[in-house]
C-alpha atoms as a PDB file:
ATOM      1  CA  MET A   1      92.276  90.861  69.242  1.00  0.00           C
ATOM      2  CA  TYR A   2      92.728  92.482  72.637  1.00  0.00           C
ATOM      3  CA  ARG A   3      93.458  96.200  72.551  1.00  0.00           C
ATOM      4  CA  LYS A   4      94.979  97.949  75.535  1.00  0.00           C
ATOM      5  CA  TYR A   5      93.220 101.258  74.740  1.00  0.00           C
ATOM      6  CA  LYS A   6      89.816 102.281  73.440  1.00  0.00           C
ATOM      7  CA  ALA A   7      88.494 105.468  71.851  1.00  0.00           C
ATOM      8  CA  GLY A   8      88.375 108.303  74.374  1.00  0.00           C
ATOM      9  CA  ASP A   9      91.185 106.977  76.592  1.00  0.00           C
ATOM     10  CA  ILE A  10      94.086 109.219  77.568  1.00  0.00           C
ATOM     11  CA  ALA A  11      97.629 107.922  77.033  1.00  0.00           C
ATOM     12  CA  TYR A  12     101.168 109.294  76.906  1.00  0.00           C
ATOM     13  CA  ILE A  13     103.893 109.117  74.280  1.00  0.00           C
ATOM     14  CA  VAL A  14     107.624 109.848  74.369  1.00  0.00           C
ATOM     15  CA  GLU A  15     108.965 112.102  71.616  1.00  0.00           C
ATOM     16  CA  SER A  16     112.674 112.214  70.823  1.00  0.00           C
ATOM     17  CA  LYS A  17     113.335 110.142  73.975  1.00  0.00           C
ATOM     18  CA  ARG A  18     112.901 113.338  76.026  1.00  0.00           C
ATOM     19  CA  PHE A  19     109.454 114.888  75.742  1.00  0.00           C
ATOM     20  CA  ILE A  20     106.318 113.361  77.259  1.00  0.00           C
ATOM     21  CA  ARG A  21     103.065 114.295  75.522  1.00  0.00           C
ATOM     22  CA  GLU A  22      99.520 113.520  76.537  1.00  0.00           C
ATOM     23  CA  VAL A  23      97.287 112.170  73.771  1.00  0.00           C
ATOM     24  CA  LYS A  24      93.671 111.139  73.405  1.00  0.00           C
ATOM     25  CA  ILE A  25      92.856 107.910  71.563  1.00  0.00           C
ATOM     26  CA  LEU A  26      90.530 108.636  68.652  1.00  0.00           C
ATOM     27  CA  LYS A  27      90.341 105.224  66.959  1.00  0.00           C
ATOM     28  CA  PHE A  28      92.114 101.980  66.160  1.00  0.00           C
ATOM     29  CA  SER A  29      92.563 100.739  62.600  1.00  0.00           C
ATOM     30  CA  GLY A  30      94.758  97.876  61.406  1.00  0.00           C
ATOM     31  CA  ASP A  31      97.616  97.939  63.912  1.00  0.00           C
ATOM     32  CA  LEU A  32      97.716 101.724  64.394  1.00  0.00           C
ATOM     33  CA  TYR A  33      96.038 104.043  66.854  1.00  0.00           C
ATOM     34  CA  THR A  34      94.956 107.487  65.676  1.00  0.00           C
ATOM     35  CA  LEU A  35      95.849 109.961  68.422  1.00  0.00           C
ATOM     36  CA  GLN A  36      95.108 113.611  69.100  1.00  0.00           C
ATOM     37  CA  PHE A  37      97.508 115.752  71.129  1.00  0.00           C
ATOM     38  CA  THR A  38      95.602 117.252  74.058  1.00  0.00           C
ATOM     39  CA  ASP A  39      97.742 120.389  74.143  1.00  0.00           C
ATOM     40  CA  SER A  40      97.675 121.393  70.472  1.00  0.00           C
ATOM     41  CA  GLY A  41      94.891 119.449  68.782  1.00  0.00           C
ATOM     42  CA  GLY A  42      97.312 117.976  66.216  1.00  0.00           C
ATOM     43  CA  GLY A  43      97.330 114.289  65.481  1.00  0.00           C
ATOM     44  CA  ILE A  44      99.512 111.271  64.792  1.00  0.00           C
ATOM     45  CA  LYS A  45      99.222 107.516  64.188  1.00  0.00           C
ATOM     46  CA  LEU A  46     101.320 105.133  66.282  1.00  0.00           C
ATOM     47  CA  ARG A  47     101.522 101.466  67.209  1.00  0.00           C
ATOM     48  CA  GLU A  48     100.424 100.335  70.661  1.00  0.00           C
ATOM     49  CA  ASN A  49     103.993  99.709  71.873  1.00  0.00           C
ATOM     50  CA  ARG A  50     104.655 103.488  71.717  1.00  0.00           C
ATOM     51  CA  LEU A  51     101.780 104.293  74.126  1.00  0.00           C
ATOM     52  CA  PHE A  52     101.889 104.414  77.917  1.00  0.00           C
ATOM     53  CA  ARG A  53      99.034 104.391  80.427  1.00  0.00           C
ATOM     54  CA  THR A  54     100.609 106.902  82.808  1.00  0.00           C
ATOM     55  CA  LYS A  55     103.043 109.777  82.604  1.00  0.00           C
ATOM     56  CA  GLU A  56     105.304 107.950  85.073  1.00  0.00           C
ATOM     57  CA  GLU A  57     105.564 104.901  82.780  1.00  0.00           C
ATOM     58  CA  ALA A  58     106.502 107.167  79.878  1.00  0.00           C
ATOM     59  CA  GLU A  59     109.130 108.941  81.992  1.00  0.00           C
ATOM     60  CA  GLN A  60     110.733 105.613  82.933  1.00  0.00           C
ATOM     61  CA  TYR A  61     110.914 104.631  79.265  1.00  0.00           C
ATOM     62  CA  GLY A  62     112.416 108.019  78.359  1.00  0.00           C
ATOM     63  CA  LYS A  63     115.220 107.570  80.929  1.00  0.00           C
ATOM     64  CA  ARG A  64     116.623 104.506  79.121  1.00  0.00           C
END
């Protein structure tokens, strides 16, 4: 299975359709990525369709 991201990559997520947060990919398991927030050190698990390569891509998604 092709994965868009690998451990160590930086990605962006959109929270509450308004806030863009930078995350670091820690690992991939099943169909979820384990992510670490770069600003706080907290973590979360999300599916690939919630991740964006660039901040600009995430901003465009958030404007919908």
